[in-house]
Protein backbone atom coordinates (compact mmCIF):
# COMPACT_ATOMS: atom_id res chain seq x y z
CA UNK A 1 -15.42 -5.15 24.79
CA UNK A 2 -17.27 -8.21 25.94
CA UNK A 3 -17.66 -11.47 24.05
CA UNK A 4 -16.88 -11.63 20.34
CA UNK A 5 -20.08 -11.03 18.35
CA UNK A 6 -20.88 -12.22 14.86
CA UNK A 7 -23.23 -10.33 12.53
CA UNK A 8 -26.26 -12.14 11.17
CA UNK A 9 -26.83 -9.56 8.45
CA UNK A 10 -26.91 -12.25 5.74
CA UNK A 11 -30.17 -13.60 7.16
CA UNK A 12 -32.04 -11.17 4.94
CA UNK A 13 -30.49 -12.89 1.89
CA UNK A 14 -32.14 -16.23 2.78
CA UNK A 15 -35.55 -17.29 1.49
CA UNK A 16 -38.21 -16.33 4.03
CA UNK A 17 -39.05 -19.91 5.08
CA UNK A 18 -35.38 -20.77 5.71
CA UNK A 19 -34.83 -17.48 7.56
CA UNK A 20 -37.81 -18.26 9.82
CA UNK A 21 -36.42 -21.75 10.50
CA UNK A 22 -33.03 -20.34 11.45
CA UNK A 23 -34.58 -17.76 13.75
CA UNK A 24 -36.77 -20.42 15.36
CA UNK A 25 -33.79 -22.71 16.05
CA UNK A 26 -31.55 -20.01 17.53
CA UNK A 27 -34.27 -18.49 19.73
CA UNK A 28 -35.62 -21.74 21.20
CA UNK A 29 -34.25 -23.92 23.98
CA UNK A 30 -31.75 -25.45 24.25
CA UNK A 31 -29.87 -23.37 21.63
CA UNK A 32 -30.80 -20.07 23.28
CA UNK A 33 -29.13 -21.30 26.48
CA UNK A 34 -25.71 -20.71 24.94
CA UNK A 35 -26.24 -18.81 21.67
CA UNK A 36 -27.29 -15.28 22.57
CA UNK A 37 -28.76 -12.68 20.25
CA UNK A 38 -28.48 -8.91 20.30
CA UNK A 39 -28.27 -6.16 17.70
CA UNK A 40 -26.16 -3.21 16.61
CA UNK A 41 -28.04 0.02 15.85
CA UNK A 42 -26.36 0.89 12.52
CA UNK A 43 -28.60 3.92 11.93
CA UNK A 44 -31.86 5.23 13.38
CA UNK A 45 -33.78 2.86 11.09
CA UNK A 46 -31.34 -0.04 10.58
CA UNK A 47 -30.50 -2.75 13.12
CA UNK A 48 -27.92 -5.46 12.43
CA UNK A 49 -28.62 -8.69 14.35
CA UNK A 50 -25.63 -10.14 16.21
CA UNK A 51 -24.96 -13.39 17.97
CA UNK A 52 -22.41 -14.52 20.52
CA UNK A 53 -21.69 -17.73 22.36
CA UNK A 54 -22.18 -17.82 26.12
CA UNK A 55 -20.67 -20.54 28.26
CA UNK A 56 -22.81 -23.66 28.38
CA UNK A 57 -22.41 -27.23 29.56
CA UNK A 58 -21.41 -29.73 26.87
CA UNK A 59 -24.66 -31.62 27.38
CA UNK A 60 -26.68 -28.51 26.49
CA UNK A 61 -24.65 -28.00 23.33
CA UNK A 62 -25.04 -31.65 22.27
CA UNK A 63 -28.79 -31.46 22.89
CA UNK A 64 -29.06 -28.25 20.90
CA UNK A 65 -27.26 -29.73 17.93
CA UNK A 66 -29.50 -32.80 17.98
CA UNK A 67 -32.67 -30.71 18.25
CA UNK A 68 -31.59 -28.38 15.43
CA UNK A 69 -30.80 -31.37 13.22
CA UNK A 70 -34.18 -32.97 13.94
CA UNK A 71 -36.02 -29.68 13.31
CA UNK A 72 -34.31 -29.07 9.98
CA UNK A 73 -34.57 -32.67 8.75
CA UNK A 74 -38.28 -33.10 9.50
CA UNK A 75 -39.45 -30.44 7.03
């Protein structure tokens, strides 16, 4: 039910600095205007992060892609 969600459970396989960069990009504007985060409670102690795409204007998506590219390429 609801929008199709995609698990982000492979984030824990990334090196810590790359994982932090990914989390920063997806939780900051303008990306967070259309890429939403939630989680699935797999067990009392284990949460699986999920993401889904909300409707957004094309200009917001283009801006998000440009900002993510600039953020990643300036390290």
